[in-house]
């Protein structure tokens, strides 16, 4: 019994030493972990070196475009760009834009002079389109064969519209994805040959969207109102919005105009209402687009969104 009693304190002493060793080890591990975390936090606060800027000298244009297209390209910063005798002004991102007319043939040549003086030429093919004949009957005869005084009025009014299209603001509203100004059936397509009351007319300058009178018309993209008139002889209520760099939208046959010249409008803002004013046989919206004096197809601009 004495031997057993004397062994018990020894075992207790050994257990105490084991506990002390275990606790010391745990404290050491905790201290090491705390040091690692602190080191990681210190490293995280150190500034991350910035990546070197890439000097992008690429020139990017589509290989081919359709007649009536609005063409977008990308050039190096600081480049000078020439197309069809006109200087194209790149945006801050290097985007340039120009229009291809209904009857334009190719190839097109775009000249680019980079900031370092190096030159490059891009050639773009033009894909021809078919232009079916649309017969429009029942329009007021005076809008087809106007007497001299009316013809003079039409000439004056159209000259004012043409002047508004020459605006060349350094704004890149044209670069955003365009939206439909309203939803409806396409009742007339851009470019199609037309006859009015059996008399041949020029190709259709825009896209007609059938809708009830009074339907709200919304801005397809942001821009500045450059023309607004409630009763032009041929086009009735007429509104123009400039999207910058020569790109503009026009809205015709309106029953109401809700904005005025000089207003800035944002995409989706209500700007007018559908009507049947001017040379029209029923309520619809005529939406046309231009690059300066070159008419382009709004439907192609909308389809470009799907290709992004």
Protein backbone atom coordinates (compact mmCIF):
# COMPACT_ATOMS: atom_id res chain seq x y z
CA UNK A 1 0.00 0.00 0.00
CA UNK A 2 2.86 2.35 0.84
CA UNK A 3 4.51 1.75 -2.56
CA UNK A 4 1.27 2.55 -4.42
CA UNK A 5 0.72 5.75 -2.41
CA UNK A 6 4.23 6.97 -3.12
CA UNK A 7 3.75 6.48 -6.94
CA UNK A 8 0.61 8.64 -7.15
CA UNK A 9 2.37 12.03 -6.60
CA UNK A 10 4.90 11.12 -9.30
CA UNK A 11 2.20 10.44 -11.89
CA UNK A 12 0.43 13.68 -10.97
CA UNK A 13 3.70 15.60 -11.39
CA UNK A 14 4.24 14.12 -14.86
CA UNK A 15 0.69 15.09 -15.97
CA UNK A 16 1.22 18.67 -14.81
CA UNK A 17 4.43 18.85 -16.87
CA UNK A 18 2.57 17.49 -19.93
CA UNK A 19 -0.18 20.12 -19.57
CA UNK A 20 2.41 22.90 -19.25
CA UNK A 21 4.17 21.67 -22.39
CA UNK A 22 0.89 21.50 -24.32
CA UNK A 23 -0.16 25.01 -23.23
CA UNK A 24 3.24 26.40 -24.22
CA UNK A 25 2.95 24.81 -27.63
CA UNK A 26 -0.53 26.23 -28.16
CA UNK A 27 0.65 29.71 -27.15
CA UNK A 28 3.53 29.47 -29.58
CA UNK A 29 1.23 28.48 -32.42
CA UNK A 30 -1.14 31.37 -31.64
CA UNK A 31 1.71 33.87 -31.61
CA UNK A 32 2.98 32.56 -34.95
CA UNK A 33 -0.48 32.83 -36.51
CA UNK A 34 -0.92 36.37 -35.23
CA UNK A 35 2.42 37.32 -36.75
CA UNK A 36 1.44 35.82 -40.09
CA UNK A 37 -1.87 37.71 -40.15
CA UNK A 38 -0.15 40.97 -39.28
CA UNK A 39 2.37 40.39 -42.03
CA UNK A 40 -0.39 39.71 -44.54
CA UNK A 41 -2.23 42.87 -43.52
CA UNK A 42 0.95 44.89 -43.86
CA UNK A 43 1.53 43.45 -47.32
CA UNK A 44 -2.04 44.23 -48.32
CA UNK A 45 -1.56 47.89 -47.50
CA UNK A 46 1.50 48.19 -49.71
CA UNK A 47 0.78 49.95 -53.03
CA UNK A 48 0.25 47.58 -55.96
CA UNK A 49 2.49 48.54 -58.85
CA UNK A 50 0.42 49.79 -61.82
CA UNK A 51 0.51 47.85 -65.05
CA UNK A 52 2.36 49.48 -67.92
CA UNK A 53 0.13 51.34 -70.35
CA UNK A 54 -0.25 49.59 -73.70
CA UNK A 55 0.39 51.80 -76.70
CA UNK A 56 -2.47 50.57 -78.89
CA UNK A 57 -1.69 51.44 -82.50
CA UNK A 58 -4.39 49.23 -84.02
CA UNK A 59 -6.76 50.52 -86.67
CA UNK A 60 -10.07 48.63 -86.64
CA UNK A 61 -12.84 48.97 -89.24
CA UNK A 62 -15.33 46.41 -90.58
CA UNK A 63 -14.19 44.59 -93.71
CA UNK A 64 -17.58 45.16 -95.37
CA UNK A 65 -20.71 47.23 -94.71
CA UNK A 66 -24.18 47.50 -96.23
CA UNK A 67 -25.52 50.42 -98.19
CA UNK A 68 -27.21 52.72 -95.66
CA UNK A 69 -24.90 51.71 -92.79
CA UNK A 70 -23.56 53.90 -90.02
CA UNK A 71 -19.93 52.79 -89.80
CA UNK A 72 -17.92 52.75 -86.57
CA UNK A 73 -14.14 52.46 -86.42
CA UNK A 74 -11.32 52.56 -83.86
CA UNK A 75 -8.03 54.40 -84.35
CA UNK A 76 -5.04 55.17 -82.10
CA UNK A 77 -5.24 58.21 -79.87
CA UNK A 78 -4.19 61.43 -81.57
CA UNK A 79 -4.80 60.13 -85.12
CA UNK A 80 -6.02 62.19 -88.05
CA UNK A 81 -8.66 60.42 -90.13
CA UNK A 82 -9.90 61.26 -93.65
CA UNK A 83 -12.91 59.76 -95.39
CA UNK A 84 -14.51 61.01 -98.61
CA UNK A 85 -12.80 64.40 -98.33
CA UNK A 86 -13.95 64.97 -94.74
CA UNK A 87 -11.87 64.99 -91.57
CA UNK A 88 -13.27 62.56 -89.02
CA UNK A 89 -12.72 63.63 -85.41
CA UNK A 90 -11.96 60.67 -83.11
CA UNK A 91 -13.56 60.63 -79.67
CA UNK A 92 -11.44 60.36 -76.53
CA UNK A 93 -11.67 56.57 -76.92
CA UNK A 94 -10.49 56.70 -80.54
CA UNK A 95 -13.94 56.00 -82.03
CA UNK A 96 -14.79 57.49 -85.42
CA UNK A 97 -18.08 57.33 -87.30
CA UNK A 98 -19.35 57.99 -90.82
CA UNK A 99 -22.35 57.12 -92.97
CA UNK A 100 -22.70 55.12 -96.18
CA UNK A 101 -25.47 56.33 -98.49
CA UNK A 102 -28.29 54.30 -100.04
CA UNK A 103 -26.63 54.25 -103.47
CA UNK A 104 -22.99 54.25 -102.33
CA UNK A 105 -20.69 51.74 -104.02
CA UNK A 106 -17.32 50.54 -102.84
CA UNK A 107 -14.67 50.02 -102.00
CA UNK A 108 -14.38 52.84 -99.48
CA UNK A 109 -10.99 54.23 -98.46
CA UNK A 110 -10.23 55.54 -94.97
CA UNK A 111 -6.88 57.28 -94.49
CA UNK A 112 -5.33 57.34 -91.01
CA UNK A 113 -2.25 59.28 -89.90
CA UNK A 114 -1.12 58.22 -86.42
CA UNK A 115 0.32 60.66 -83.91
CA UNK A 116 3.83 59.40 -84.71
CA UNK A 117 3.34 60.28 -88.40
CA UNK A 118 2.92 56.74 -89.71
CA UNK A 119 0.17 56.29 -92.28
CA UNK A 120 -2.29 53.52 -93.03
CA UNK A 121 -5.20 53.04 -95.40
CA UNK A 122 -8.21 50.83 -94.70
CA UNK A 123 -10.38 49.55 -97.51
CA UNK A 124 -14.03 48.68 -96.82
CA UNK A 125 -16.27 46.79 -99.23
CA UNK A 126 -19.90 47.89 -99.69
CA UNK A 127 -22.60 45.23 -99.90
CA UNK A 128 -25.42 46.25 -102.28
CA UNK A 129 -29.06 45.92 -101.25
CA UNK A 130 -32.32 45.44 -103.13
CA UNK A 131 -34.80 48.33 -103.03
CA UNK A 132 -38.36 47.08 -103.67
CA UNK A 133 -40.99 49.52 -104.90
CA UNK A 134 -43.57 50.76 -102.40
CA UNK A 135 -46.75 52.30 -103.82
CA UNK A 136 -48.28 55.02 -101.64
CA UNK A 137 -51.75 56.05 -102.78
CA UNK A 138 -54.26 58.46 -101.32
CA UNK A 139 -51.84 61.24 -100.31
CA UNK A 140 -52.98 64.87 -100.83
CA UNK A 141 -52.32 65.76 -104.51
CA UNK A 142 -50.74 69.10 -103.57
CA UNK A 143 -47.96 67.21 -101.75
CA UNK A 144 -47.15 65.28 -104.93
CA UNK A 145 -47.47 68.08 -107.51
CA UNK A 146 -47.31 71.30 -105.46
CA UNK A 147 -48.11 74.63 -107.10
CA UNK A 148 -45.22 77.14 -107.35
CA UNK A 149 -45.93 78.92 -104.05
CA UNK A 150 -46.14 75.64 -102.15
CA UNK A 151 -43.02 74.34 -103.91
CA UNK A 152 -41.14 77.44 -102.75
CA UNK A 153 -42.34 76.90 -99.19
CA UNK A 154 -41.22 73.26 -99.27
CA UNK A 155 -37.79 74.32 -100.53
CA UNK A 156 -37.37 76.88 -97.73
CA UNK A 157 -38.46 74.43 -95.04
CA UNK A 158 -36.22 71.63 -96.26
CA UNK A 159 -33.25 74.03 -96.41
CA UNK A 160 -33.74 74.74 -92.70
CA UNK A 161 -33.74 71.02 -91.92
CA UNK A 162 -30.61 70.46 -94.01
CA UNK A 163 -28.82 73.28 -92.16
CA UNK A 164 -29.64 71.70 -88.81
CA UNK A 165 -28.05 68.44 -89.95
CA UNK A 166 -24.70 70.14 -90.53
CA UNK A 167 -24.06 70.55 -86.80
CA UNK A 168 -20.82 68.89 -85.69
CA UNK A 169 -20.66 68.81 -81.90
CA UNK A 170 -17.83 67.03 -80.11
CA UNK A 171 -20.25 64.78 -78.19
CA UNK A 172 -20.24 60.97 -78.28
CA UNK A 173 -23.97 60.38 -77.72
CA UNK A 174 -23.97 58.50 -81.04
CA UNK A 175 -21.75 55.78 -79.52
CA UNK A 176 -24.37 54.47 -77.09
CA UNK A 177 -26.63 51.57 -78.06
CA UNK A 178 -29.69 53.04 -79.80
CA UNK A 179 -33.17 51.96 -78.70
CA UNK A 180 -36.49 51.87 -80.54
CA UNK A 181 -38.36 55.18 -80.15
CA UNK A 182 -41.58 53.15 -79.86
CA UNK A 183 -42.71 49.60 -80.48
CA UNK A 184 -44.74 48.84 -83.57
CA UNK A 185 -44.89 47.21 -86.98
CA UNK A 186 -42.45 48.45 -89.59
CA UNK A 187 -44.75 49.84 -92.28
CA UNK A 188 -42.08 51.40 -94.49
CA UNK A 189 -38.41 50.51 -94.86
CA UNK A 190 -35.41 52.72 -95.49
CA UNK A 191 -34.29 53.03 -99.07
CA UNK A 192 -37.23 51.40 -100.78
CA UNK A 193 -38.24 53.07 -104.04
CA UNK A 194 -41.58 54.85 -103.74
CA UNK A 195 -44.37 56.13 -105.92
CA UNK A 196 -46.95 58.61 -104.60
CA UNK A 197 -50.38 58.44 -106.25
CA UNK A 198 -48.68 56.60 -109.12
CA UNK A 199 -45.91 59.20 -109.57
CA UNK A 200 -42.33 57.98 -108.99
CA UNK A 201 -40.60 59.51 -105.98
CA UNK A 202 -37.20 59.24 -104.34
CA UNK A 203 -36.11 56.37 -102.13
CA UNK A 204 -37.60 56.32 -98.65
CA UNK A 205 -35.35 58.32 -96.34
CA UNK A 206 -36.14 56.52 -93.08
CA UNK A 207 -38.12 53.80 -91.35
CA UNK A 208 -41.87 54.05 -90.75
CA UNK A 209 -43.31 52.50 -87.58
CA UNK A 210 -47.09 52.09 -87.46
CA UNK A 211 -48.69 53.22 -84.19
CA UNK A 212 -51.93 54.88 -83.04
CA UNK A 213 -52.08 58.67 -83.02
CA UNK A 214 -50.88 60.09 -79.73
CA UNK A 215 -48.46 57.22 -78.97
CA UNK A 216 -45.44 58.54 -77.07
CA UNK A 217 -42.19 58.84 -79.02
CA UNK A 218 -39.01 58.41 -76.97
CA UNK A 219 -35.47 59.52 -77.72
CA UNK A 220 -33.54 56.53 -79.15
CA UNK A 221 -30.30 58.01 -77.79
CA UNK A 222 -29.22 61.11 -75.93
CA UNK A 223 -28.63 64.37 -77.79
CA UNK A 224 -29.49 68.02 -78.36
CA UNK A 225 -32.67 69.25 -80.06
CA UNK A 226 -31.59 71.22 -83.14
CA UNK A 227 -34.90 71.63 -84.97
CA UNK A 228 -38.54 71.58 -83.91
CA UNK A 229 -41.48 72.72 -86.04
CA UNK A 230 -45.13 71.69 -85.67
CA UNK A 231 -46.36 72.03 -89.27
CA UNK A 232 -43.91 71.69 -92.17
CA UNK A 233 -45.75 71.18 -95.44
CA UNK A 234 -44.38 67.75 -96.39
CA UNK A 235 -43.26 66.31 -93.06
CA UNK A 236 -45.77 67.92 -90.67
CA UNK A 237 -44.59 67.98 -87.08
CA UNK A 238 -40.82 67.66 -87.45
CA UNK A 239 -38.14 67.16 -84.81
CA UNK A 240 -34.35 66.70 -85.07
CA UNK A 241 -32.00 65.46 -82.35
CA UNK A 242 -28.24 65.76 -82.82
CA UNK A 243 -26.17 62.90 -81.33
CA UNK A 244 -22.74 64.42 -82.02
CA UNK A 245 -20.09 64.03 -84.75
CA UNK A 246 -22.68 64.67 -87.47
CA UNK A 247 -25.06 61.87 -86.46
CA UNK A 248 -28.69 62.95 -86.06
CA UNK A 249 -32.20 61.50 -85.84
CA UNK A 250 -35.32 63.04 -87.36
CA UNK A 251 -38.95 62.31 -86.44
CA UNK A 252 -41.71 63.27 -88.85
CA UNK A 253 -45.53 63.52 -89.05
CA UNK A 254 -45.78 64.21 -85.30
CA UNK A 255 -49.03 65.32 -83.69
CA UNK A 256 -47.20 66.91 -80.74
CA UNK A 257 -43.65 68.00 -79.89
CA UNK A 258 -42.69 68.03 -76.20
CA UNK A 259 -39.19 69.57 -76.42
CA UNK A 260 -37.69 72.75 -77.84
CA UNK A 261 -34.54 73.74 -79.70
CA UNK A 262 -31.51 73.69 -77.41
CA UNK A 263 -32.91 71.11 -74.99
CA UNK A 264 -30.74 68.16 -74.05
CA UNK A 265 -32.68 64.91 -74.03
CA UNK A 266 -31.70 61.56 -72.57
CA UNK A 267 -32.33 58.13 -74.01
CA UNK A 268 -35.88 56.98 -73.27
CA UNK A 269 -37.21 60.49 -72.61
CA UNK A 270 -40.61 61.25 -74.18
CA UNK A 271 -40.03 63.84 -76.89
CA UNK A 272 -43.19 63.82 -79.02
CA UNK A 273 -46.32 61.92 -80.06
CA UNK A 274 -47.25 59.99 -83.20
CA UNK A 275 -49.45 61.76 -85.74
CA UNK A 276 -50.42 61.86 -89.41
CA UNK A 277 -49.41 65.44 -90.26
CA UNK A 278 -47.86 66.48 -93.57
CA UNK A 279 -47.77 63.97 -96.44
CA UNK A 280 -49.17 60.93 -94.64
CA UNK A 281 -52.08 58.57 -95.21
CA UNK A 282 -52.40 57.49 -91.58
CA UNK A 283 -50.75 57.78 -88.16
CA UNK A 284 -47.19 56.49 -87.97
CA UNK A 285 -43.73 57.58 -86.92
CA UNK A 286 -41.13 58.25 -89.57
CA UNK A 287 -37.69 57.85 -87.95
CA UNK A 288 -34.77 58.86 -90.10
CA UNK A 289 -31.06 59.08 -89.35
CA UNK A 290 -28.29 61.07 -90.98
CA UNK A 291 -24.55 61.49 -90.94
CA UNK A 292 -24.48 65.15 -92.01
CA UNK A 293 -26.20 65.02 -95.44
CA UNK A 294 -25.90 61.23 -95.81
CA UNK A 295 -29.07 59.33 -94.97
CA UNK A 296 -28.56 56.02 -93.13
CA UNK A 297 -30.84 53.17 -92.10
CA UNK A 298 -32.01 53.30 -88.44
CA UNK A 299 -32.76 49.56 -88.53
CA UNK A 300 -29.08 48.81 -89.24
CA UNK A 301 -28.11 50.98 -86.27
CA UNK A 302 -30.46 48.98 -84.04
CA UNK A 303 -29.14 45.67 -85.41
CA UNK A 304 -25.60 46.76 -84.55
CA UNK A 305 -26.58 46.47 -80.86
CA UNK A 306 -27.15 42.74 -81.34
CA UNK A 307 -23.66 42.31 -82.79
CA UNK A 308 -21.86 43.91 -79.83
